[in-house]
Amino acid sequence: MNRKTLRAIRIAAWVALGVVVGFLAWSFLAPRTQNPTAPLVASSIGGPFSLTNQRGETVTEASLKGHPSALFFGYTYCPDICPTTLADLSVWLQELGPYGNRLHVYFVSIDPARDTRQVLADYLGAFDPRIEGLTGSQDAIDQIVKDYRVYAQKVSATDGTYTFDHTASVYLLDDRGALTGTITYDEDPSVAVSKIKRLVGIAIS
């Protein structure tokens, strides 16, 4: 093999390595939309917050303790992911039977400008009554979104309306308020139910 050929092979190898490194860097840094695949580390999830539910009651991080919880971040104007996920959660709560009362489900709005208490109350009327909607000031929402590592990016349309690209996973928390896992938007229903059953203490055969 002559020097010219060897040099060409080395250049090609460096170019290929650059492409791989560039792709990996893009994959790590690119915005995570809808259903992020980046793993969540339990110790990095959560923090103090103070929000209000649809009944006007204050809900804080202390409210997540003493029972398992499922948190889902979304907004009432969401065209597909949010109503589908809330419908799924309603079905799963029913499938748990009496154990369903052990699980507290929270729908945290990422759109407090539109999702007032009354809007949440009207919207959640279509789902299981045990699902609790949470809203608050923009600063309070921004803080919980940050602390729970939620992706929420506003997408404005030319007509002045807007939607959100956002994390589509359901967060599963134990009775200490610590993250134990997630249910992804495209999760197999039987797998999702098994995760919830384990969370509330139902033995899986």
C-alpha atoms as a PDB file:
ATOM      1  CA  MET A   1       0.000   0.000   0.000  1.00  0.00           C
ATOM      2  CA  ASN A   2       1.586   3.292  -1.101  1.00  0.00           C
ATOM      3  CA  ARG A   3       1.683   6.450   1.000  1.00  0.00           C
ATOM      4  CA  LYS A   4      -0.965   8.228  -1.060  1.00  0.00           C
ATOM      5  CA  THR A   5      -3.468   5.406  -0.544  1.00  0.00           C
ATOM      6  CA  LEU A   6      -2.672   5.161   3.169  1.00  0.00           C
ATOM      7  CA  ARG A   7      -3.129   8.920   3.559  1.00  0.00           C
ATOM      8  CA  ALA A   8      -6.515   8.743   1.782  1.00  0.00           C
ATOM      9  CA  ILE A   9      -7.661   5.951   4.095  1.00  0.00           C
ATOM     10  CA  ARG A  10      -6.631   7.959   7.154  1.00  0.00           C
ATOM     11  CA  ILE A  11      -8.504  11.037   5.927  1.00  0.00           C
ATOM     12  CA  ALA A  12     -11.615   8.965   5.239  1.00  0.00           C
ATOM     13  CA  ALA A  13     -11.416   7.451   8.724  1.00  0.00           C
ATOM     14  CA  TRP A  14     -11.153  10.881  10.369  1.00  0.00           C
ATOM     15  CA  VAL A  15     -14.090  12.163   8.328  1.00  0.00           C
ATOM     16  CA  ALA A  16     -16.190   9.158   9.338  1.00  0.00           C
ATOM     17  CA  LEU A  17     -15.249   9.656  12.983  1.00  0.00           C
ATOM     18  CA  GLY A  18     -16.224  13.320  12.736  1.00  0.00           C
ATOM     19  CA  VAL A  19     -19.627  12.399  11.332  1.00  0.00           C
ATOM     20  CA  VAL A  20     -20.248   9.925  14.173  1.00  0.00           C
ATOM     21  CA  VAL A  21     -19.148  12.387  16.855  1.00  0.00           C
ATOM     22  CA  GLY A  22     -21.227  15.141  15.296  1.00  0.00           C
ATOM     23  CA  PHE A  23     -24.301  12.928  15.194  1.00  0.00           C
ATOM     24  CA  LEU A  24     -23.884  11.872  18.817  1.00  0.00           C
ATOM     25  CA  ALA A  25     -23.467  15.504  19.894  1.00  0.00           C
ATOM     26  CA  TRP A  26     -26.585  16.528  17.960  1.00  0.00           C
ATOM     27  CA  SER A  27     -28.554  13.628  19.468  1.00  0.00           C
ATOM     28  CA  PHE A  28     -27.568  14.720  22.968  1.00  0.00           C
ATOM     29  CA  LEU A  29     -28.113  18.457  22.522  1.00  0.00           C
ATOM     30  CA  ALA A  30     -31.145  18.553  20.231  1.00  0.00           C
ATOM     31  CA  PRO A  31     -34.469  19.580  21.833  1.00  0.00           C
ATOM     32  CA  ARG A  32     -36.512  16.660  23.130  1.00  0.00           C
ATOM     33  CA  THR A  33     -40.026  16.920  21.725  1.00  0.00           C
ATOM     34  CA  GLN A  34     -43.190  15.038  22.549  1.00  0.00           C
ATOM     35  CA  ASN A  35     -41.657  11.853  23.939  1.00  0.00           C
ATOM     36  CA  PRO A  36     -38.015  12.400  24.962  1.00  0.00           C
ATOM     37  CA  THR A  37     -35.889   9.286  25.122  1.00  0.00           C
ATOM     38  CA  ALA A  38     -33.233  10.732  27.435  1.00  0.00           C
ATOM     39  CA  PRO A  39     -33.259   8.702  30.667  1.00  0.00           C
ATOM     40  CA  LEU A  40     -34.488  10.410  33.801  1.00  0.00           C
ATOM     41  CA  VAL A  41     -32.363  10.074  36.919  1.00  0.00           C
ATOM     42  CA  ALA A  42     -34.560   9.777  40.006  1.00  0.00           C
ATOM     43  CA  SER A  43     -32.259  11.814  42.216  1.00  0.00           C
ATOM     44  CA  SER A  44     -32.427  14.756  39.791  1.00  0.00           C
ATOM     45  CA  ILE A  45     -36.225  14.869  39.585  1.00  0.00           C
ATOM     46  CA  GLY A  46     -38.455  17.045  41.726  1.00  0.00           C
ATOM     47  CA  GLY A  47     -38.300  20.036  44.008  1.00  0.00           C
ATOM     48  CA  PRO A  48     -40.491  22.367  46.061  1.00  0.00           C
ATOM     49  CA  PHE A  49     -43.582  23.769  44.374  1.00  0.00           C
ATOM     50  CA  SER A  50     -46.908  25.362  45.255  1.00  0.00           C
ATOM     51  CA  LEU A  51     -49.770  25.071  42.777  1.00  0.00           C
ATOM     52  CA  THR A  52     -53.565  25.166  42.898  1.00  0.00           C
ATOM     53  CA  ASN A  53     -55.958  22.432  41.860  1.00  0.00           C
ATOM     54  CA  GLN A  54     -59.266  22.893  40.056  1.00  0.00           C
ATOM     55  CA  ARG A  55     -61.064  23.172  43.409  1.00  0.00           C
ATOM     56  CA  GLY A  56     -58.869  26.032  44.594  1.00  0.00           C
ATOM     57  CA  GLU A  57     -56.842  23.904  47.025  1.00  0.00           C
ATOM     58  CA  THR A  58     -53.096  24.350  47.386  1.00  0.00           C
ATOM     59  CA  VAL A  59     -50.959  21.386  46.336  1.00  0.00           C
ATOM     60  CA  THR A  60     -47.257  21.266  47.198  1.00  0.00           C
ATOM     61  CA  GLU A  61     -44.437  18.724  47.028  1.00  0.00           C
ATOM     62  CA  ALA A  62     -45.571  17.520  50.470  1.00  0.00           C
ATOM     63  CA  SER A  63     -48.875  16.490  48.872  1.00  0.00           C
ATOM     64  CA  LEU A  64     -46.980  13.817  46.904  1.00  0.00           C
ATOM     65  CA  LYS A  65     -46.000  11.932  50.047  1.00  0.00           C
ATOM     66  CA  GLY A  66     -47.930   9.165  51.766  1.00  0.00           C
ATOM     67  CA  HIS A  67     -49.271   7.643  48.547  1.00  0.00           C
ATOM     68  CA  PRO A  68     -48.029   6.723  45.047  1.00  0.00           C
ATOM     69  CA  SER A  69     -48.613   9.329  42.340  1.00  0.00           C
ATOM     70  CA  ALA A  70     -48.732   9.683  38.592  1.00  0.00           C
ATOM     71  CA  LEU A  71     -47.793  13.083  37.142  1.00  0.00           C
ATOM     72  CA  PHE A  72     -48.532  14.118  33.591  1.00  0.00           C
ATOM     73  CA  PHE A  73     -47.569  17.516  32.172  1.00  0.00           C
ATOM     74  CA  GLY A  74     -49.722  18.945  29.402  1.00  0.00           C
ATOM     75  CA  TYR A  75     -52.387  21.519  28.546  1.00  0.00           C
ATOM     76  CA  THR A  76     -56.103  21.575  27.847  1.00  0.00           C
ATOM     77  CA  TYR A  77     -55.753  22.897  24.280  1.00  0.00           C
ATOM     78  CA  CYS A  78     -53.567  19.916  23.365  1.00  0.00           C
ATOM     79  CA  PRO A  79     -55.069  18.295  20.256  1.00  0.00           C
ATOM     80  CA  ASP A  80     -54.061  14.681  20.789  1.00  0.00           C
ATOM     81  CA  ILE A  81     -51.442  13.522  23.309  1.00  0.00           C
ATOM     82  CA  CYS A  82     -53.031  15.007  26.429  1.00  0.00           C
ATOM     83  CA  PRO A  83     -56.631  13.839  25.969  1.00  0.00           C
ATOM     84  CA  THR A  84     -55.403  10.419  24.890  1.00  0.00           C
ATOM     85  CA  THR A  85     -53.138  10.054  27.922  1.00  0.00           C
ATOM     86  CA  LEU A  86     -55.803  11.274  30.348  1.00  0.00           C
ATOM     87  CA  ALA A  87     -58.298   8.832  28.811  1.00  0.00           C
ATOM     88  CA  ASP A  88     -55.743   6.030  29.246  1.00  0.00           C
ATOM     89  CA  LEU A  89     -55.141   7.015  32.866  1.00  0.00           C
ATOM     90  CA  SER A  90     -58.895   6.999  33.475  1.00  0.00           C
ATOM     91  CA  VAL A  91     -59.160   3.454  32.111  1.00  0.00           C
ATOM     92  CA  TRP A  92     -56.172   2.278  34.129  1.00  0.00           C
ATOM     93  CA  LEU A  93     -57.613   3.722  37.331  1.00  0.00           C
ATOM     94  CA  GLN A  94     -60.788   1.756  36.703  1.00  0.00           C
ATOM     95  CA  GLU A  95     -58.793  -1.419  36.026  1.00  0.00           C
ATOM     96  CA  LEU A  96     -57.146  -1.103  39.442  1.00  0.00           C
ATOM     97  CA  GLY A  97     -60.508  -1.501  41.137  1.00  0.00           C
ATOM     98  CA  PRO A  98     -60.415  -0.440  44.811  1.00  0.00           C
ATOM     99  CA  TYR A  99     -56.642  -0.087  44.546  1.00  0.00           C
ATOM    100  CA  GLY A 100     -57.222   2.849  42.212  1.00  0.00           C
ATOM    101  CA  ASN A 101     -57.908   5.054  45.210  1.00  0.00           C
ATOM    102  CA  ARG A 102     -54.316   4.569  46.336  1.00  0.00           C
ATOM    103  CA  LEU A 103     -52.979   6.309  43.237  1.00  0.00           C
ATOM    104  CA  HIS A 104     -53.154  10.086  43.042  1.00  0.00           C
ATOM    105  CA  VAL A 105     -53.065  11.336  39.455  1.00  0.00           C
ATOM    106  CA  TYR A 106     -52.042  14.921  38.707  1.00  0.00           C
ATOM    107  CA  PHE A 107     -52.405  16.742  35.402  1.00  0.00           C
ATOM    108  CA  VAL A 108     -49.971  19.664  35.604  1.00  0.00           C
ATOM    109  CA  SER A 109     -50.708  22.441  33.113  1.00  0.00           C
ATOM    110  CA  ILE A 110     -47.779  23.903  31.193  1.00  0.00           C
ATOM    111  CA  ASP A 111     -50.115  26.615  29.856  1.00  0.00           C
ATOM    112  CA  PRO A 112     -51.287  28.600  32.907  1.00  0.00           C
ATOM    113  CA  ALA A 113     -52.223  31.611  30.768  1.00  0.00           C
ATOM    114  CA  ARG A 114     -55.175  29.666  29.376  1.00  0.00           C
ATOM    115  CA  ASP A 115     -55.582  26.843  31.885  1.00  0.00           C
ATOM    116  CA  THR A 116     -57.339  28.538  34.754  1.00  0.00           C
ATOM    117  CA  ARG A 117     -58.946  26.575  37.583  1.00  0.00           C
ATOM    118  CA  GLN A 118     -62.319  26.727  35.859  1.00  0.00           C
ATOM    119  CA  VAL A 119     -60.915  25.648  32.500  1.00  0.00           C
ATOM    120  CA  LEU A 120     -59.203  22.692  34.186  1.00  0.00           C
ATOM    121  CA  ALA A 121     -62.388  21.769  36.036  1.00  0.00           C
ATOM    122  CA  ASP A 122     -64.445  21.813  32.830  1.00  0.00           C
ATOM    123  CA  TYR A 123     -61.815  19.895  30.872  1.00  0.00           C
ATOM    124  CA  LEU A 124     -61.221  17.183  33.480  1.00  0.00           C
ATOM    125  CA  GLY A 125     -64.960  16.592  33.726  1.00  0.00           C
ATOM    126  CA  ALA A 126     -64.538  14.271  30.748  1.00  0.00           C
ATOM    127  CA  PHE A 127     -62.139  11.989  32.619  1.00  0.00           C
ATOM    128  CA  ASP A 128     -61.939  10.037  35.860  1.00  0.00           C
ATOM    129  CA  PRO A 129     -62.914  12.392  38.716  1.00  0.00           C
ATOM    130  CA  ARG A 130     -59.864  11.314  40.697  1.00  0.00           C
ATOM    131  CA  ILE A 131     -57.555  13.115  38.260  1.00  0.00           C
ATOM    132  CA  GLU A 132     -56.465  16.394  39.800  1.00  0.00           C
ATOM    133  CA  GLY A 133     -55.557  19.369  37.617  1.00  0.00           C
ATOM    134  CA  LEU A 134     -52.830  21.750  38.769  1.00  0.00           C
ATOM    135  CA  THR A 135     -52.105  25.295  37.629  1.00  0.00           C
ATOM    136  CA  GLY A 136     -50.449  28.419  39.014  1.00  0.00           C
ATOM    137  CA  SER A 137     -48.451  31.467  38.083  1.00  0.00           C
ATOM    138  CA  GLN A 138     -46.145  31.302  35.093  1.00  0.00           C
ATOM    139  CA  ASP A 139     -43.133  31.440  37.407  1.00  0.00           C
ATOM    140  CA  ALA A 140     -44.469  28.544  39.478  1.00  0.00           C
ATOM    141  CA  ILE A 141     -45.115  26.453  36.369  1.00  0.00           C
ATOM    142  CA  ASP A 142     -41.706  27.285  34.926  1.00  0.00           C
ATOM    143  CA  GLN A 143     -40.099  26.118  38.166  1.00  0.00           C
ATOM    144  CA  ILE A 144     -41.857  22.749  38.364  1.00  0.00           C
ATOM    145  CA  VAL A 145     -41.220  22.149  34.663  1.00  0.00           C
ATOM    146  CA  LYS A 146     -37.532  22.775  35.278  1.00  0.00           C
ATOM    147  CA  ASP A 147     -37.337  20.688  38.451  1.00  0.00           C
ATOM    148  CA  TYR A 148     -39.072  17.710  36.876  1.00  0.00           C
ATOM    149  CA  ARG A 149     -36.942  17.934  33.718  1.00  0.00           C
ATOM    150  CA  VAL A 150     -39.999  18.420  31.512  1.00  0.00           C
ATOM    151  CA  TYR A 151     -39.581  19.593  27.944  1.00  0.00           C
ATOM    152  CA  ALA A 152     -42.151  22.275  27.080  1.00  0.00           C
ATOM    153  CA  GLN A 153     -41.641  24.452  24.022  1.00  0.00           C
ATOM    154  CA  LYS A 154     -44.266  26.933  22.862  1.00  0.00           C
ATOM    155  CA  VAL A 155     -44.981  26.809  19.120  1.00  0.00           C
ATOM    156  CA  SER A 156     -46.677  29.937  17.779  1.00  0.00           C
ATOM    157  CA  ALA A 157     -48.787  29.965  14.615  1.00  0.00           C
ATOM    158  CA  THR A 158     -49.161  32.844  12.167  1.00  0.00           C
ATOM    159  CA  ASP A 159     -52.762  33.405  13.258  1.00  0.00           C
ATOM    160  CA  GLY A 160     -51.710  34.170  16.833  1.00  0.00           C
ATOM    161  CA  THR A 161     -52.665  30.791  18.303  1.00  0.00           C
ATOM    162  CA  TYR A 162     -50.114  28.431  19.784  1.00  0.00           C
ATOM    163  CA  THR A 163     -49.492  24.852  20.823  1.00  0.00           C
ATOM    164  CA  PHE A 164     -46.726  23.138  22.777  1.00  0.00           C
ATOM    165  CA  ASP A 165     -44.200  20.461  22.009  1.00  0.00           C
ATOM    166  CA  HIS A 166     -43.837  18.724  25.350  1.00  0.00           C
ATOM    167  CA  THR A 167     -42.796  15.649  27.264  1.00  0.00           C
ATOM    168  CA  ALA A 168     -45.419  12.968  26.739  1.00  0.00           C
ATOM    169  CA  SER A 169     -44.424  10.522  29.468  1.00  0.00           C
ATOM    170  CA  VAL A 170     -46.297   9.901  32.703  1.00  0.00           C
ATOM    171  CA  TYR A 171     -44.067  10.149  35.777  1.00  0.00           C
ATOM    172  CA  LEU A 172     -44.568   7.435  38.388  1.00  0.00           C
ATOM    173  CA  LEU A 173     -43.682   8.437  41.961  1.00  0.00           C
ATOM    174  CA  ASP A 174     -43.582   6.303  45.106  1.00  0.00           C
ATOM    175  CA  ASP A 175     -45.076   7.256  48.476  1.00  0.00           C
ATOM    176  CA  ARG A 176     -42.015   9.394  49.220  1.00  0.00           C
ATOM    177  CA  GLY A 177     -42.553  11.440  46.080  1.00  0.00           C
ATOM    178  CA  ALA A 178     -39.501   9.889  44.410  1.00  0.00           C
ATOM    179  CA  LEU A 179     -39.470   8.908  40.747  1.00  0.00           C
ATOM    180  CA  THR A 180     -39.669   5.147  40.206  1.00  0.00           C
ATOM    181  CA  GLY A 181     -40.256   5.074  36.461  1.00  0.00           C
ATOM    182  CA  THR A 182     -42.278   6.416  33.544  1.00  0.00           C
ATOM    183  CA  ILE A 183     -44.967   5.350  31.135  1.00  0.00           C
ATOM    184  CA  THR A 184     -44.222   6.500  27.606  1.00  0.00           C
ATOM    185  CA  TYR A 185     -46.903   7.726  25.236  1.00  0.00           C
ATOM    186  CA  ASP A 186     -46.560   4.648  23.026  1.00  0.00           C
ATOM    187  CA  GLU A 187     -46.295   2.167  25.932  1.00  0.00           C
ATOM    188  CA  ASP A 188     -48.060  -1.149  25.526  1.00  0.00           C
ATOM    189  CA  PRO A 189     -51.214  -0.860  27.705  1.00  0.00           C
ATOM    190  CA  SER A 190     -50.552  -4.168  29.473  1.00  0.00           C
ATOM    191  CA  VAL A 191     -47.041  -3.021  30.382  1.00  0.00           C
ATOM    192  CA  ALA A 192     -48.370   0.339  31.577  1.00  0.00           C
ATOM    193  CA  VAL A 193     -50.959  -1.324  33.805  1.00  0.00           C
ATOM    194  CA  SER A 194     -48.331  -3.680  35.224  1.00  0.00           C
ATOM    195  CA  LYS A 195     -46.164  -0.696  36.163  1.00  0.00           C
ATOM    196  CA  ILE A 196     -49.068   0.986  37.918  1.00  0.00           C
ATOM    197  CA  LYS A 197     -50.055  -2.206  39.718  1.00  0.00           C
ATOM    198  CA  ARG A 198     -46.553  -2.592  41.106  1.00  0.00           C
ATOM    199  CA  LEU A 199     -46.624   1.064  42.136  1.00  0.00           C
ATOM    200  CA  VAL A 200     -49.807   0.662  44.185  1.00  0.00           C
ATOM    201  CA  GLY A 201     -48.739  -2.666  45.660  1.00  0.00           C
ATOM    202  CA  ILE A 202     -50.702  -5.191  43.597  1.00  0.00           C
ATOM    203  CA  ALA A 203     -48.832  -8.460  43.168  1.00  0.00           C
ATOM    204  CA  ILE A 204     -48.100  -9.247  39.510  1.00  0.00           C
ATOM    205  CA  SER A 205     -48.631 -12.922  38.695  1.00  0.00           C
END
